[in-house]
């Protein structure tokens, strides 16, 4: 299955590290964070990669090329201005496979990706989102998940009655692009997820595995410890 990586973030919280390089290319133990992420998905047989790039994105292609030297097949889609998560996908529509795993390029989630893909294929839904149980409640929950795994609500503003948190990974069918309007800027979270939920097309892959965001100095330090 194709893996699509959102790599267009500016990385303001990591400045000055990101003044001259894109956020996913910040070094962790002498190699870009993105390389660690690609090695993780490759270990589960996910070697067909599409990188959605923007800010200083050509540096990513300069480093990884077509991916062959990393045992991967990598293609790139560029957005001249930030289009949001949904807009970035719409911009790359012709390059997307029918089904794909969508990852944030600044987040590490150590789960079994084979199990995730298998669940998506068996359910026949348009989307399966990884839902972290968040037992420590260090950050607010934003997903309400039923006992059977159906996602009932997605809300970043109000954590009341929310049971899980979006872990930054989702498997999608390309048909979700039909929910995206013709306007250029679109957010999956605020504009597409509600429609999927309303149509009973978003399911949760529940996990106890914590995700790690390298998008801040503190987060970068945590990632360095995890990958030590």
C-alpha atoms as a PDB file:
ATOM      1  CA  UNK A   1       0.000   0.000   0.000  1.00  0.00           C
ATOM      2  CA  UNK A   2       1.153   3.537  -0.739  1.00  0.00           C
ATOM      3  CA  UNK A   3       2.356   5.701   2.150  1.00  0.00           C
ATOM      4  CA  UNK A   4       1.764   9.450   1.901  1.00  0.00           C
ATOM      5  CA  UNK A   5       3.729  11.779   4.163  1.00  0.00           C
ATOM      6  CA  UNK A   6       2.686  15.338   4.992  1.00  0.00           C
ATOM      7  CA  UNK A   7       5.980  17.221   4.984  1.00  0.00           C
ATOM      8  CA  UNK A   8       5.008  20.824   4.271  1.00  0.00           C
ATOM      9  CA  UNK A   9       5.155  22.314   7.754  1.00  0.00           C
ATOM     10  CA  UNK A  10       7.260  25.428   8.337  1.00  0.00           C
ATOM     11  CA  UNK A  11       8.447  24.366  11.784  1.00  0.00           C
ATOM     12  CA  UNK A  12       8.264  27.720  13.565  1.00  0.00           C
ATOM     13  CA  UNK A  13       8.624  26.090  17.006  1.00  0.00           C
ATOM     14  CA  UNK A  14      11.951  24.571  15.964  1.00  0.00           C
ATOM     15  CA  UNK A  15      13.606  27.793  14.893  1.00  0.00           C
ATOM     16  CA  UNK A  16      16.466  28.520  14.434  1.00  0.00           C
ATOM     17  CA  UNK A  17      16.915  24.868  13.338  1.00  0.00           C
ATOM     18  CA  UNK A  18      14.320  25.300  10.587  1.00  0.00           C
ATOM     19  CA  UNK A  19      15.437  28.648   9.209  1.00  0.00           C
ATOM     20  CA  UNK A  20      17.246  26.912   6.352  1.00  0.00           C
ATOM     21  CA  UNK A  21      15.890  23.355   6.348  1.00  0.00           C
ATOM     22  CA  UNK A  22      12.366  21.858   6.352  1.00  0.00           C
ATOM     23  CA  UNK A  23      11.150  20.414   9.641  1.00  0.00           C
ATOM     24  CA  UNK A  24      11.294  16.708   8.640  1.00  0.00           C
ATOM     25  CA  UNK A  25      14.971  17.158   7.713  1.00  0.00           C
ATOM     26  CA  UNK A  26      16.047  18.219  11.213  1.00  0.00           C
ATOM     27  CA  UNK A  27      18.767  15.796  12.288  1.00  0.00           C
ATOM     28  CA  UNK A  28      18.165  13.160  14.950  1.00  0.00           C
ATOM     29  CA  UNK A  29      21.299  11.163  15.707  1.00  0.00           C
ATOM     30  CA  UNK A  30      23.068  12.376  12.573  1.00  0.00           C
ATOM     31  CA  UNK A  31      20.310  11.683  10.070  1.00  0.00           C
ATOM     32  CA  UNK A  32      17.057  13.463   9.190  1.00  0.00           C
ATOM     33  CA  UNK A  33      14.021  12.614  11.283  1.00  0.00           C
ATOM     34  CA  UNK A  34      12.222  11.731   8.050  1.00  0.00           C
ATOM     35  CA  UNK A  35      14.768   8.999   7.398  1.00  0.00           C
ATOM     36  CA  UNK A  36      13.901   7.386  10.741  1.00  0.00           C
ATOM     37  CA  UNK A  37      10.210   7.582   9.845  1.00  0.00           C
ATOM     38  CA  UNK A  38      10.760   6.022   6.432  1.00  0.00           C
ATOM     39  CA  UNK A  39      12.802   3.210   7.975  1.00  0.00           C
ATOM     40  CA  UNK A  40       9.918   2.486  10.352  1.00  0.00           C
ATOM     41  CA  UNK A  41       7.278   2.123   7.634  1.00  0.00           C
ATOM     42  CA  UNK A  42       9.683   0.218   5.393  1.00  0.00           C
ATOM     43  CA  UNK A  43      10.087  -2.380   8.148  1.00  0.00           C
ATOM     44  CA  UNK A  44       6.387  -3.180   7.626  1.00  0.00           C
ATOM     45  CA  UNK A  45       6.687  -3.489   3.861  1.00  0.00           C
ATOM     46  CA  UNK A  46       5.515   0.048   3.076  1.00  0.00           C
ATOM     47  CA  UNK A  47       8.041   1.089   0.448  1.00  0.00           C
ATOM     48  CA  UNK A  48       5.909   3.033  -2.063  1.00  0.00           C
ATOM     49  CA  UNK A  49       6.173   6.610  -0.773  1.00  0.00           C
ATOM     50  CA  UNK A  50       4.624   9.929  -1.809  1.00  0.00           C
ATOM     51  CA  UNK A  51       5.946  12.998   0.007  1.00  0.00           C
ATOM     52  CA  UNK A  52       3.747  16.110   0.059  1.00  0.00           C
ATOM     53  CA  UNK A  53       6.248  18.941   0.373  1.00  0.00           C
ATOM     54  CA  UNK A  54       6.177  22.709   0.528  1.00  0.00           C
ATOM     55  CA  UNK A  55       8.539  24.853   2.631  1.00  0.00           C
ATOM     56  CA  UNK A  56      12.122  24.201   1.404  1.00  0.00           C
ATOM     57  CA  UNK A  57      10.798  20.879   0.159  1.00  0.00           C
ATOM     58  CA  UNK A  58      13.323  20.444  -2.633  1.00  0.00           C
ATOM     59  CA  UNK A  59      15.901  19.683   0.062  1.00  0.00           C
ATOM     60  CA  UNK A  60      13.953  16.516   0.857  1.00  0.00           C
ATOM     61  CA  UNK A  61      14.116  15.388  -2.758  1.00  0.00           C
ATOM     62  CA  UNK A  62      17.788  16.341  -2.986  1.00  0.00           C
ATOM     63  CA  UNK A  63      18.526  14.033  -0.048  1.00  0.00           C
ATOM     64  CA  UNK A  64      16.297  11.037  -0.777  1.00  0.00           C
ATOM     65  CA  UNK A  65      16.035  11.246  -4.564  1.00  0.00           C
ATOM     66  CA  UNK A  66      13.825   8.509  -5.993  1.00  0.00           C
ATOM     67  CA  UNK A  67      14.406   6.478  -2.831  1.00  0.00           C
ATOM     68  CA  UNK A  68      16.265   3.656  -4.552  1.00  0.00           C
ATOM     69  CA  UNK A  69      19.371   4.026  -2.376  1.00  0.00           C
ATOM     70  CA  UNK A  70      17.119   3.617   0.686  1.00  0.00           C
ATOM     71  CA  UNK A  71      15.245   0.596  -0.663  1.00  0.00           C
ATOM     72  CA  UNK A  72      12.194   2.748  -1.371  1.00  0.00           C
ATOM     73  CA  UNK A  73      10.265   4.186  -4.296  1.00  0.00           C
ATOM     74  CA  UNK A  74       9.667   7.880  -3.589  1.00  0.00           C
ATOM     75  CA  UNK A  75       7.680  10.484  -5.519  1.00  0.00           C
ATOM     76  CA  UNK A  76       7.031  14.108  -4.593  1.00  0.00           C
ATOM     77  CA  UNK A  77       4.151  16.555  -4.811  1.00  0.00           C
ATOM     78  CA  UNK A  78       4.801  20.258  -4.203  1.00  0.00           C
ATOM     79  CA  UNK A  79       2.461  23.017  -3.077  1.00  0.00           C
ATOM     80  CA  UNK A  80       3.555  26.601  -3.669  1.00  0.00           C
ATOM     81  CA  UNK A  81       1.562  27.879  -0.697  1.00  0.00           C
ATOM     82  CA  UNK A  82       0.176  25.953   2.311  1.00  0.00           C
ATOM     83  CA  UNK A  83      -3.043  24.192   1.306  1.00  0.00           C
ATOM     84  CA  UNK A  84      -3.898  22.385   4.535  1.00  0.00           C
ATOM     85  CA  UNK A  85      -3.967  18.620   4.950  1.00  0.00           C
ATOM     86  CA  UNK A  86      -6.931  18.112   2.636  1.00  0.00           C
ATOM     87  CA  UNK A  87      -5.722  20.640   0.094  1.00  0.00           C
ATOM     88  CA  UNK A  88      -2.319  18.971  -0.080  1.00  0.00           C
ATOM     89  CA  UNK A  89      -3.993  15.648  -0.879  1.00  0.00           C
ATOM     90  CA  UNK A  90      -6.241  17.231  -3.510  1.00  0.00           C
ATOM     91  CA  UNK A  91      -3.184  18.862  -5.069  1.00  0.00           C
ATOM     92  CA  UNK A  92      -1.569  15.419  -5.373  1.00  0.00           C
ATOM     93  CA  UNK A  93      -4.730  13.619  -6.520  1.00  0.00           C
ATOM     94  CA  UNK A  94      -3.250  12.230  -9.741  1.00  0.00           C
ATOM     95  CA  UNK A  95      -0.355  10.689  -7.802  1.00  0.00           C
ATOM     96  CA  UNK A  96      -2.428   8.995  -5.106  1.00  0.00           C
ATOM     97  CA  UNK A  97      -3.141   5.274  -5.090  1.00  0.00           C
ATOM     98  CA  UNK A  98      -6.700   4.083  -4.467  1.00  0.00           C
ATOM     99  CA  UNK A  99      -5.807   3.389  -0.832  1.00  0.00           C
ATOM    100  CA  UNK A 100      -2.980   4.927   1.177  1.00  0.00           C
ATOM    101  CA  UNK A 101      -1.552   5.365   4.663  1.00  0.00           C
ATOM    102  CA  UNK A 102      -1.286   9.056   5.572  1.00  0.00           C
ATOM    103  CA  UNK A 103       1.383  10.122   8.073  1.00  0.00           C
ATOM    104  CA  UNK A 104       2.524  13.390   9.575  1.00  0.00           C
ATOM    105  CA  UNK A 105       6.137  14.029   8.637  1.00  0.00           C
ATOM    106  CA  UNK A 106       6.954  15.273  12.137  1.00  0.00           C
ATOM    107  CA  UNK A 107       5.437  12.452  14.199  1.00  0.00           C
ATOM    108  CA  UNK A 108       6.743   9.020  15.160  1.00  0.00           C
ATOM    109  CA  UNK A 109       4.147   6.372  15.967  1.00  0.00           C
ATOM    110  CA  UNK A 110       5.627   2.908  16.686  1.00  0.00           C
ATOM    111  CA  UNK A 111       2.679   0.655  15.867  1.00  0.00           C
ATOM    112  CA  UNK A 112       2.278  -2.464  13.742  1.00  0.00           C
ATOM    113  CA  UNK A 113       1.428  -0.915  10.379  1.00  0.00           C
ATOM    114  CA  UNK A 114       0.655  -4.315   8.877  1.00  0.00           C
ATOM    115  CA  UNK A 115      -2.159  -4.758  11.401  1.00  0.00           C
ATOM    116  CA  UNK A 116      -3.442  -1.258  10.604  1.00  0.00           C
ATOM    117  CA  UNK A 117      -3.569  -1.938   6.868  1.00  0.00           C
ATOM    118  CA  UNK A 118      -5.188  -5.331   7.456  1.00  0.00           C
ATOM    119  CA  UNK A 119      -7.942  -3.756   9.563  1.00  0.00           C
ATOM    120  CA  UNK A 120      -8.606  -1.128   6.905  1.00  0.00           C
ATOM    121  CA  UNK A 121      -8.861  -3.746   4.182  1.00  0.00           C
ATOM    122  CA  UNK A 122     -11.194  -5.959   6.203  1.00  0.00           C
ATOM    123  CA  UNK A 123     -13.602  -3.181   7.245  1.00  0.00           C
ATOM    124  CA  UNK A 124     -14.253  -1.635   3.843  1.00  0.00           C
ATOM    125  CA  UNK A 125     -14.572   1.878   5.298  1.00  0.00           C
ATOM    126  CA  UNK A 126     -13.237   5.016   3.615  1.00  0.00           C
ATOM    127  CA  UNK A 127     -11.037   5.781   6.605  1.00  0.00           C
ATOM    128  CA  UNK A 128      -9.386   4.060   9.570  1.00  0.00           C
ATOM    129  CA  UNK A 129      -7.728   6.448  12.012  1.00  0.00           C
ATOM    130  CA  UNK A 130      -5.222   5.432  14.685  1.00  0.00           C
ATOM    131  CA  UNK A 131      -6.703   6.322  18.083  1.00  0.00           C
ATOM    132  CA  UNK A 132      -4.399   6.484  21.110  1.00  0.00           C
ATOM    133  CA  UNK A 133      -6.014   5.708  24.468  1.00  0.00           C
ATOM    134  CA  UNK A 134      -4.048   8.551  26.110  1.00  0.00           C
ATOM    135  CA  UNK A 135      -4.089   7.145  29.673  1.00  0.00           C
ATOM    136  CA  UNK A 136      -1.859   9.901  31.068  1.00  0.00           C
ATOM    137  CA  UNK A 137      -4.141  12.646  29.700  1.00  0.00           C
ATOM    138  CA  UNK A 138      -1.117  14.900  29.170  1.00  0.00           C
ATOM    139  CA  UNK A 139      -2.878  16.314  26.122  1.00  0.00           C
ATOM    140  CA  UNK A 140      -6.587  16.677  25.436  1.00  0.00           C
ATOM    141  CA  UNK A 141      -8.511  13.885  23.771  1.00  0.00           C
ATOM    142  CA  UNK A 142     -10.178  14.782  20.481  1.00  0.00           C
ATOM    143  CA  UNK A 143     -11.881  11.553  19.382  1.00  0.00           C
ATOM    144  CA  UNK A 144     -15.021   9.883  20.646  1.00  0.00           C
ATOM    145  CA  UNK A 145     -14.844   6.185  19.795  1.00  0.00           C
ATOM    146  CA  UNK A 146     -17.629   3.655  20.318  1.00  0.00           C
ATOM    147  CA  UNK A 147     -16.961   0.220  21.804  1.00  0.00           C
ATOM    148  CA  UNK A 148     -17.213  -1.293  18.316  1.00  0.00           C
ATOM    149  CA  UNK A 149     -14.546   1.107  17.003  1.00  0.00           C
ATOM    150  CA  UNK A 150     -16.782   3.512  15.109  1.00  0.00           C
ATOM    151  CA  UNK A 151     -15.664   7.123  15.406  1.00  0.00           C
ATOM    152  CA  UNK A 152     -18.579   9.157  16.742  1.00  0.00           C
ATOM    153  CA  UNK A 153     -17.023  12.610  16.940  1.00  0.00           C
ATOM    154  CA  UNK A 154     -13.828  14.542  16.246  1.00  0.00           C
ATOM    155  CA  UNK A 155     -13.411  17.732  18.246  1.00  0.00           C
ATOM    156  CA  UNK A 156     -10.151  19.484  19.113  1.00  0.00           C
ATOM    157  CA  UNK A 157     -11.841  22.256  21.081  1.00  0.00           C
ATOM    158  CA  UNK A 158     -13.947  20.295  23.551  1.00  0.00           C
ATOM    159  CA  UNK A 159     -12.436  17.225  25.226  1.00  0.00           C
ATOM    160  CA  UNK A 160     -15.591  16.380  27.179  1.00  0.00           C
ATOM    161  CA  UNK A 161     -16.847  12.858  26.387  1.00  0.00           C
ATOM    162  CA  UNK A 162     -13.821  12.245  24.161  1.00  0.00           C
ATOM    163  CA  UNK A 163     -12.224   8.833  24.683  1.00  0.00           C
ATOM    164  CA  UNK A 164      -9.069   8.868  22.540  1.00  0.00           C
ATOM    165  CA  UNK A 165      -6.715  11.155  20.676  1.00  0.00           C
ATOM    166  CA  UNK A 166      -5.859  11.224  16.989  1.00  0.00           C
ATOM    167  CA  UNK A 167      -2.358   9.718  16.802  1.00  0.00           C
ATOM    168  CA  UNK A 168      -1.481  11.320  13.471  1.00  0.00           C
ATOM    169  CA  UNK A 169      -1.896   8.286  11.201  1.00  0.00           C
ATOM    170  CA  UNK A 170      -4.898   7.378   9.061  1.00  0.00           C
ATOM    171  CA  UNK A 171      -5.557   4.984   6.186  1.00  0.00           C
ATOM    172  CA  UNK A 172      -7.804   6.460   3.526  1.00  0.00           C
ATOM    173  CA  UNK A 173      -9.549   5.493   0.339  1.00  0.00           C
ATOM    174  CA  UNK A 174      -9.028   8.000  -2.448  1.00  0.00           C
ATOM    175  CA  UNK A 175     -12.790   8.503  -2.637  1.00  0.00           C
ATOM    176  CA  UNK A 176     -12.479  10.876   0.351  1.00  0.00           C
ATOM    177  CA  UNK A 177     -11.238  13.492  -2.108  1.00  0.00           C
ATOM    178  CA  UNK A 178     -14.838  13.725  -3.260  1.00  0.00           C
ATOM    179  CA  UNK A 179     -15.619  15.385   0.059  1.00  0.00           C
ATOM    180  CA  UNK A 180     -13.138  18.176  -0.677  1.00  0.00           C
ATOM    181  CA  UNK A 181     -14.550  21.301  -2.279  1.00  0.00           C
ATOM    182  CA  UNK A 182     -12.845  23.074  -5.158  1.00  0.00           C
ATOM    183  CA  UNK A 183     -11.357  25.714  -2.862  1.00  0.00           C
ATOM    184  CA  UNK A 184      -7.605  25.359  -2.530  1.00  0.00           C
ATOM    185  CA  UNK A 185      -7.229  25.327   1.272  1.00  0.00           C
ATOM    186  CA  UNK A 186      -8.855  22.453   3.148  1.00  0.00           C
ATOM    187  CA  UNK A 187      -8.378  20.715   6.499  1.00  0.00           C
ATOM    188  CA  UNK A 188      -9.019  16.993   6.775  1.00  0.00           C
ATOM    189  CA  UNK A 189      -9.689  17.317  10.482  1.00  0.00           C
ATOM    190  CA  UNK A 190     -12.274  20.089  10.427  1.00  0.00           C
ATOM    191  CA  UNK A 191     -13.865  19.611   7.000  1.00  0.00           C
ATOM    192  CA  UNK A 192     -13.496  15.972   5.927  1.00  0.00           C
ATOM    193  CA  UNK A 193     -13.575  13.940   9.142  1.00  0.00           C
ATOM    194  CA  UNK A 194     -17.031  15.269  10.150  1.00  0.00           C
ATOM    195  CA  UNK A 195     -18.446  14.138   6.805  1.00  0.00           C
ATOM    196  CA  UNK A 196     -16.865  10.695   7.118  1.00  0.00           C
ATOM    197  CA  UNK A 197     -18.267  10.378  10.643  1.00  0.00           C
ATOM    198  CA  UNK A 198     -21.736  11.473   9.537  1.00  0.00           C
ATOM    199  CA  UNK A 199     -21.699   8.802   6.824  1.00  0.00           C
ATOM    200  CA  UNK A 200     -20.359   6.118   9.223  1.00  0.00           C
ATOM    201  CA  UNK A 201     -17.180   5.824   7.169  1.00  0.00           C
ATOM    202  CA  UNK A 202     -14.525   6.516   9.832  1.00  0.00           C
ATOM    203  CA  UNK A 203     -13.334   3.697  12.080  1.00  0.00           C
ATOM    204  CA  UNK A 204     -10.694   3.655  14.819  1.00  0.00           C
ATOM    205  CA  UNK A 205      -7.617   1.474  15.079  1.00  0.00           C
ATOM    206  CA  UNK A 206      -7.153   1.598  18.848  1.00  0.00           C
ATOM    207  CA  UNK A 207      -3.635   1.573  20.256  1.00  0.00           C
ATOM    208  CA  UNK A 208      -1.851   1.868  23.579  1.00  0.00           C
ATOM    209  CA  UNK A 209       1.304   3.042  21.794  1.00  0.00           C
ATOM    210  CA  UNK A 210       2.179   6.664  22.436  1.00  0.00           C
ATOM    211  CA  UNK A 211       3.065   8.937  19.516  1.00  0.00           C
ATOM    212  CA  UNK A 212       5.970  11.381  19.560  1.00  0.00           C
ATOM    213  CA  UNK A 213       5.902  14.807  17.906  1.00  0.00           C
ATOM    214  CA  UNK A 214       9.287  16.340  17.016  1.00  0.00           C
ATOM    215  CA  UNK A 215       7.771  19.716  16.112  1.00  0.00           C
ATOM    216  CA  UNK A 216       9.060  21.523  19.206  1.00  0.00           C
ATOM    217  CA  UNK A 217      12.370  21.660  21.039  1.00  0.00           C
ATOM    218  CA  UNK A 218      10.956  19.539  23.869  1.00  0.00           C
ATOM    219  CA  UNK A 219       9.449  17.089  21.408  1.00  0.00           C
ATOM    220  CA  UNK A 220      12.723  16.837  19.511  1.00  0.00           C
ATOM    221  CA  UNK A 221      14.522  15.978  22.744  1.00  0.00           C
ATOM    222  CA  UNK A 222      11.981  13.228  23.464  1.00  0.00           C
ATOM    223  CA  UNK A 223      12.424  11.818  19.960  1.00  0.00           C
ATOM    224  CA  UNK A 224      16.191  11.748  20.437  1.00  0.00           C
ATOM    225  CA  UNK A 225      15.725   9.690  23.604  1.00  0.00           C
ATOM    226  CA  UNK A 226      13.250   7.301  21.963  1.00  0.00           C
ATOM    227  CA  UNK A 227      15.533   6.701  18.968  1.00  0.00           C
ATOM    228  CA  UNK A 228      18.737   6.439  21.010  1.00  0.00           C
END
